[in-house]
Structures are given as structure tokens and as C-alpha cells.
Amino acid sequence: MEKEEQNIYNSPEYEDFKQKLRKIIGLDLNSYKTQIHRRVHMLKDRWNVKTYGEYFDMIKNDDKKLREFLDHLTINVSEFFRNDKQWWRMRDQLIPELIKKRAHKRLKLWSCGCATGEEPYSLAIISVVTGLEASTPVLACDIDQGALHLAQQGHYLRRQLMAAPPEYLSKYFTTADKGETYQVNADIKRRVTFKRFNMIDDSFGTGFDIILCRNVVIYFTPATKEQLYKKFFNALAPGGYFLVGSTEQIFEYKQIGFENAGPFLYTRA
């Protein structure tokens, strides 16, 4: 079965499909591990599509199909303050230390692979709680324009906020539908700048104090991972922190230049 899969994934027809797809949405499937290619073909079967040409045309010409395709591949599922202990450490230790070290409250924060906005809005709330100035908004990036559109709206279900402290809910959100949905308040939304971004092809900025890229790089091939981790290292300011997902680990972090700063956390000395 595995050999049969590889024959499909290496076929000229699939290669043509991948090249066409990259041109319209900027997604380079060749940078991803086998599980992503499995998802591509599972959805093709689910849609009962016989040829790659038909598959591509459906994605290109139907916004709903494109949305479903991207959701199926990138799993745009998140929640506010996911892995909450990491957030409370950021609030209580990392950001206060950075404020003291920088001698100002204008920290540069980046949520890379922000999906539908739960992570950058969480970061924006933490920036308010810790007294950071709003003059440098949280940068929130994702390749999925549809996900960014949803993020900019700032509407969320109650289950997406289960880890949020009650005082944060009452202070930074307004409720609707008898408390089943929440809207991010305008002052928090103003602290986030959303941007479409392809982390494979686009240039990274520099001088970031905190970068979050969680549950994104795990889907890439080892060679692409190494390339990305080097780019994240170069994007950090000295003394800055890079936070990855709770199932991720940078095995070659020392060779890249990182120092381990705790579970799923790295720093640039």
C-alpha cells in the first residue's frame, strides 16, 4: 500500500496538480510530509473526483471548495490560550523579563500560522495585561486568506474560550446568543495586524521579541523544517523567545544557535 501511495504521489499528473495549486494559492505541497499528501487524496476521494484536472478546477473556481480544501489540509482548529501554562509563563515571567531587559514596553510580537485568530488575540490580551504599549501591534500571519478573513471578524464559540480566565471573558469580549458566542472587543482587535504570509517563500522580518509558531512546522519535511527554524532564529532579537507547539521539538537547536529555555521554548542569546 505504501509503495502504491508513493507511485500516486510521484505521478506526473499529481506533480502538475501541485504546480498549478502553488500558482493560485502559494501552497508548496512538496514541502510537506506524506500525511498532507494523504489528506489531499482523501478529500479527492470524498468529493468523488476522478482526475487531478477536475480536482484543480473545483478548487480554483469554487471558493467554498477552496475553503474546505485548505481547512482539510491545515486543520485550522485552535482555541484561546491553548496549552495555558505556556501563556501564564509568558504573562508572569517572559514578558516582564523582556520589559526589564529592553527598558521599554514596546515589544515586537509575532503569531506565525495564526489560522482563525485565537492565538494572536490571546497574545494581544496578554500584551494588555502586562502593560505593553499598543504602538507595535501583534503581527498575525497565515497563508490561508479565508482563515484570515474569519480572524478579522473576531467571532468565536464558547468552547473556543474554555481556557480563558473568567475575568478575561468579561473584560475583553462581548457575548451574544445567550453566551454561546463571543466577539473580541475593538481595543483588542486594534492590537493585531493580520497579513497573508507564505513562510516557505516570503522573507521574515527581524527584531522580534516573541515568536509563536505552534503546530505548523510539524507538517513539513525535515529539510523544510531546518530551513524554517533557521529563519525564525534570524528573525528573533537577541534575548527573544521562540515558542513551538506542545508536540514539537527542535532536535538540532544548538546547531541553529538556539538555547533551550524550557518546554517547547527556545531563546536567542
Protein backbone atom coordinates (compact mmCIF):
# COMPACT_ATOMS: atom_id res chain seq x y z
CA MET A 1 0.00 0.00 0.00
CA GLU A 2 2.84 2.37 0.87
CA LYS A 3 4.54 1.68 -2.49
CA GLU A 4 1.25 2.30 -4.27
CA GLU A 5 0.88 5.61 -2.40
CA GLN A 6 4.36 6.72 -3.44
CA ASN A 7 3.57 5.93 -7.08
CA ILE A 8 0.50 8.16 -6.86
CA TYR A 9 2.34 10.96 -5.06
CA ASN A 10 5.16 10.88 -7.64
CA SER A 11 2.94 10.70 -10.71
CA PRO A 12 3.26 13.40 -13.42
CA GLU A 13 -0.45 14.19 -13.05
CA TYR A 14 -0.12 14.90 -9.34
CA GLU A 15 3.04 16.92 -9.93
CA ASP A 16 1.16 19.07 -12.44
CA PHE A 17 -1.70 19.49 -9.92
CA LYS A 18 0.76 20.64 -7.23
CA GLN A 19 2.42 23.16 -9.54
CA LYS A 20 -0.92 24.64 -10.61
CA LEU A 21 -2.07 24.79 -7.00
CA ARG A 22 1.05 26.65 -5.93
CA LYS A 23 0.42 29.31 -8.59
CA ILE A 24 -3.08 30.13 -7.35
CA ILE A 25 -2.70 29.86 -3.55
CA GLY A 26 1.07 29.85 -2.92
CA LEU A 27 1.00 26.50 -1.11
CA ASP A 28 4.00 24.29 -1.89
CA LEU A 29 2.85 20.75 -1.19
CA ASN A 30 6.36 19.43 -1.92
CA SER A 31 7.50 20.96 1.38
CA TYR A 32 5.05 18.82 3.37
CA LYS A 33 5.31 15.32 4.78
CA THR A 34 3.40 12.31 3.44
CA GLN A 35 0.42 12.79 5.77
CA ILE A 36 -0.52 16.02 3.99
CA HIS A 37 -0.48 14.24 0.63
CA ARG A 38 -2.73 11.59 2.13
CA ARG A 39 -5.19 14.32 3.13
CA VAL A 40 -5.13 15.73 -0.40
CA HIS A 41 -6.12 12.36 -1.80
CA MET A 42 -8.64 11.55 0.93
CA LEU A 43 -10.51 14.74 0.03
CA LYS A 44 -10.27 13.91 -3.69
CA ASP A 45 -11.94 10.58 -2.94
CA ARG A 46 -14.54 12.20 -0.69
CA TRP A 47 -15.51 14.57 -3.48
CA ASN A 48 -15.65 11.62 -5.88
CA VAL A 49 -13.25 13.36 -8.27
CA LYS A 50 -11.67 11.14 -10.92
CA THR A 51 -8.91 13.33 -12.37
CA TYR A 52 -6.47 15.90 -10.98
CA GLY A 53 -7.63 18.36 -13.62
CA GLU A 54 -11.19 18.19 -12.34
CA TYR A 55 -9.92 18.41 -8.76
CA PHE A 56 -7.90 21.55 -9.52
CA ASP A 57 -10.80 23.21 -11.38
CA MET A 58 -13.13 22.64 -8.41
CA ILE A 59 -10.63 24.24 -6.03
CA LYS A 60 -9.86 27.12 -8.39
CA ASN A 61 -13.43 28.01 -9.33
CA ASP A 62 -15.39 27.39 -6.13
CA ASP A 63 -14.48 29.45 -3.04
CA LYS A 64 -16.30 27.01 -0.76
CA LYS A 65 -14.30 24.10 -2.16
CA LEU A 66 -11.07 26.06 -1.72
CA ARG A 67 -12.05 26.79 1.89
CA GLU A 68 -12.80 23.12 2.53
CA PHE A 69 -9.54 22.05 0.85
CA LEU A 70 -7.40 24.38 2.97
CA ASP A 71 -9.24 23.51 6.17
CA HIS A 72 -8.74 19.82 5.47
CA LEU A 73 -5.02 20.29 4.91
CA THR A 74 -4.07 22.84 7.52
CA ILE A 75 -6.50 21.88 10.30
CA ASN A 76 -7.46 25.43 11.22
CA VAL A 77 -8.69 24.39 14.64
CA SER A 78 -7.46 26.28 17.67
CA GLU A 79 -8.60 27.87 20.90
CA PHE A 80 -7.73 30.81 23.09
CA PHE A 81 -4.81 30.26 25.48
CA ARG A 82 -4.19 26.75 24.14
CA ASN A 83 -1.71 24.96 26.46
CA ASP A 84 -2.49 27.58 29.07
CA LYS A 85 0.59 27.06 31.26
CA GLN A 86 2.74 28.43 28.44
CA TRP A 87 0.59 31.55 28.29
CA TRP A 88 0.74 32.20 32.04
CA ARG A 89 4.52 31.81 31.97
CA MET A 90 4.65 34.32 29.14
CA ARG A 91 2.45 36.71 31.12
CA ASP A 92 4.12 36.30 34.50
CA GLN A 93 7.76 35.74 33.57
CA LEU A 94 8.86 36.15 29.96
CA ILE A 95 7.26 39.47 29.09
CA PRO A 96 8.16 41.14 32.42
CA GLU A 97 11.76 39.97 31.92
CA LEU A 98 11.80 41.36 28.38
CA ILE A 99 10.37 44.69 29.52
CA LYS A 100 13.11 44.96 32.11
CA LYS A 101 15.80 43.89 29.64
CA ARG A 102 14.64 46.25 26.88
CA ALA A 103 13.88 49.10 29.28
CA HIS A 104 10.67 49.87 27.41
CA LYS A 105 7.21 48.39 26.81
CA ARG A 106 7.20 48.25 23.01
CA LEU A 107 7.79 44.57 22.36
CA LYS A 108 7.57 43.09 18.86
CA LEU A 109 5.28 40.03 18.86
CA TRP A 110 4.50 37.61 16.02
CA SER A 111 1.97 34.79 15.67
CA CYS A 112 3.05 32.84 12.58
CA GLY A 113 0.46 30.39 11.29
CA CYS A 114 -2.30 32.21 13.15
CA ALA A 115 -5.21 30.34 11.50
CA THR A 116 -8.52 31.89 12.55
CA GLY A 117 -7.06 34.28 15.12
CA GLU A 118 -7.35 32.64 18.52
CA GLU A 119 -3.59 32.75 19.11
CA PRO A 120 -2.85 36.38 18.12
CA TYR A 121 -5.88 37.65 20.03
CA SER A 122 -4.67 35.70 23.08
CA LEU A 123 -1.29 37.36 22.60
CA ALA A 124 -2.94 40.76 22.31
CA ILE A 125 -4.82 40.19 25.58
CA ILE A 126 -1.57 39.22 27.30
CA SER A 127 0.05 42.36 25.91
CA VAL A 128 -2.68 44.46 27.56
CA VAL A 129 -2.47 42.58 30.86
CA THR A 130 1.32 43.05 31.01
CA GLY A 131 1.11 46.75 30.16
CA LEU A 132 2.73 46.66 26.74
CA GLU A 133 2.25 49.67 24.52
CA ALA A 134 -0.08 49.30 21.56
CA SER A 135 2.35 51.11 19.25
CA THR A 136 3.69 47.77 17.95
CA PRO A 137 0.65 45.58 17.23
CA VAL A 138 0.84 41.79 17.27
CA LEU A 139 1.71 40.59 13.77
CA ALA A 140 -0.56 37.68 12.79
CA CYS A 141 0.28 35.75 9.62
CA ASP A 142 -1.18 32.83 7.72
CA ILE A 143 -1.16 31.56 4.15
CA ASP A 144 -4.93 30.96 4.22
CA GLN A 145 -6.79 34.11 3.20
CA GLY A 146 -10.12 32.60 4.22
CA ALA A 147 -8.85 31.88 7.72
CA LEU A 148 -7.53 35.44 7.98
CA HIS A 149 -10.92 36.80 6.95
CA LEU A 150 -12.58 34.83 9.75
CA ALA A 151 -9.91 36.01 12.19
CA GLN A 152 -10.53 39.66 11.35
CA GLN A 153 -14.20 39.23 12.18
CA GLY A 154 -13.30 38.08 15.70
CA HIS A 155 -16.36 35.88 16.37
CA TYR A 156 -15.85 32.70 18.41
CA LEU A 157 -17.84 29.92 20.05
CA ARG A 158 -17.83 29.44 23.80
CA ARG A 159 -15.93 26.14 23.50
CA GLN A 160 -13.02 28.01 21.89
CA LEU A 161 -12.59 30.03 25.08
CA MET A 162 -12.68 27.28 27.70
CA ALA A 163 -9.11 28.07 28.86
CA ALA A 164 -9.70 31.81 29.17
CA PRO A 165 -9.95 33.14 32.76
CA PRO A 166 -13.45 34.44 33.55
CA GLU A 167 -12.12 37.96 34.13
CA TYR A 168 -10.67 37.99 30.60
CA LEU A 169 -14.03 36.94 29.14
CA SER A 170 -15.88 39.75 30.86
CA LYS A 171 -13.23 42.37 30.11
CA TYR A 172 -12.11 41.64 26.54
CA PHE A 173 -15.20 40.11 24.90
CA THR A 174 -18.88 40.81 24.42
CA THR A 175 -21.36 37.93 24.31
CA ALA A 176 -24.30 37.02 22.10
CA ASP A 177 -26.66 34.08 21.61
CA LYS A 178 -27.18 33.69 25.36
CA GLY A 179 -23.46 33.39 26.00
CA GLU A 180 -22.77 30.82 23.26
CA THR A 181 -20.75 33.18 21.04
CA TYR A 182 -18.16 35.80 21.88
CA GLN A 183 -16.94 38.87 19.99
CA VAL A 184 -13.40 40.19 20.55
CA ASN A 185 -13.57 43.79 21.78
CA ALA A 186 -12.41 46.58 19.49
CA ASP A 187 -9.43 47.56 21.65
CA ILE A 188 -8.04 44.02 21.40
CA LYS A 189 -8.70 43.83 17.64
CA ARG A 190 -6.76 47.07 17.16
CA ARG A 191 -3.71 45.42 18.71
CA VAL A 192 -3.49 42.80 15.94
CA THR A 193 -2.38 43.27 12.34
CA PHE A 194 -3.32 40.38 10.06
CA LYS A 195 -1.26 39.59 6.97
CA ARG A 196 -1.24 36.84 4.37
CA PHE A 197 2.16 35.19 4.52
CA ASN A 198 3.88 32.20 2.93
CA MET A 199 6.57 31.07 5.34
CA ILE A 200 8.27 29.00 2.66
CA ASP A 201 8.72 31.77 0.10
CA ASP A 202 8.29 35.10 1.88
CA SER A 203 11.01 37.00 3.72
CA PHE A 204 10.86 37.06 7.51
CA GLY A 205 11.18 40.28 9.44
CA THR A 206 13.74 40.84 12.18
CA GLY A 207 13.93 42.05 15.75
CA PHE A 208 11.02 40.08 17.18
CA ASP A 209 10.90 39.69 20.94
CA ILE A 210 8.45 36.76 20.93
CA ILE A 211 7.53 34.49 18.03
CA LEU A 212 4.85 31.82 18.26
CA CYS A 213 4.71 29.16 15.56
CA ARG A 214 2.84 26.22 17.01
CA ASN A 215 1.54 23.08 15.33
CA VAL A 216 2.54 24.30 11.86
CA VAL A 217 6.12 23.23 11.18
CA ILE A 218 5.33 19.63 12.23
CA TYR A 219 3.69 19.06 8.85
CA PHE A 220 6.80 19.94 6.84
CA THR A 221 9.64 17.71 5.66
CA PRO A 222 12.84 17.63 7.77
CA ALA A 223 14.73 19.76 5.23
CA THR A 224 11.98 22.41 5.20
CA LYS A 225 11.79 22.35 9.00
CA GLU A 226 15.50 23.07 9.29
CA GLN A 227 15.22 25.93 6.81
CA LEU A 228 12.30 27.45 8.70
CA TYR A 229 13.87 27.14 12.14
CA LYS A 230 16.95 28.98 10.86
CA LYS A 231 14.71 31.74 9.50
CA PHE A 232 12.89 32.01 12.84
CA PHE A 233 16.21 32.20 14.67
CA ASN A 234 17.36 35.06 12.44
CA ALA A 235 14.02 36.83 12.94
CA LEU A 236 14.45 36.90 16.74
CA ALA A 237 16.11 39.78 18.52
CA PRO A 238 18.86 38.76 20.97
CA GLY A 239 17.17 37.64 24.16
CA GLY A 240 13.92 36.93 22.30
CA TYR A 241 11.82 33.78 22.64
CA PHE A 242 10.51 31.27 20.11
CA LEU A 243 7.58 29.11 21.22
CA VAL A 244 6.61 25.92 19.36
CA GLY A 245 3.70 23.51 19.80
CA SER A 246 3.41 21.00 22.62
CA THR A 247 4.10 18.09 20.26
CA GLU A 248 7.16 19.71 18.68
CA GLN A 249 10.84 19.63 19.48
CA ILE A 250 13.80 21.18 17.70
CA PHE A 251 16.39 18.42 17.94
CA GLU A 252 19.22 20.41 16.32
CA TYR A 253 18.51 23.64 18.19
CA LYS A 254 22.11 24.11 19.33
CA GLN A 255 23.46 23.87 15.79
CA ILE A 256 20.98 26.54 14.70
CA GLY A 257 22.01 28.83 17.56
CA PHE A 258 19.03 28.48 19.89
CA GLU A 259 19.24 27.86 23.62
CA ASN A 260 16.61 25.78 25.37
CA ALA A 261 14.53 27.99 27.67
CA GLY A 262 12.03 25.39 28.88
CA PRO A 263 9.39 23.03 27.49
CA PHE A 264 8.72 23.91 23.84
CA LEU A 265 10.53 27.22 24.30
CA TYR A 266 13.80 28.45 22.78
CA THR A 267 15.73 31.68 23.02
CA ARG A 268 18.39 33.52 21.09
CA ALA A 269 21.23 34.56 23.38
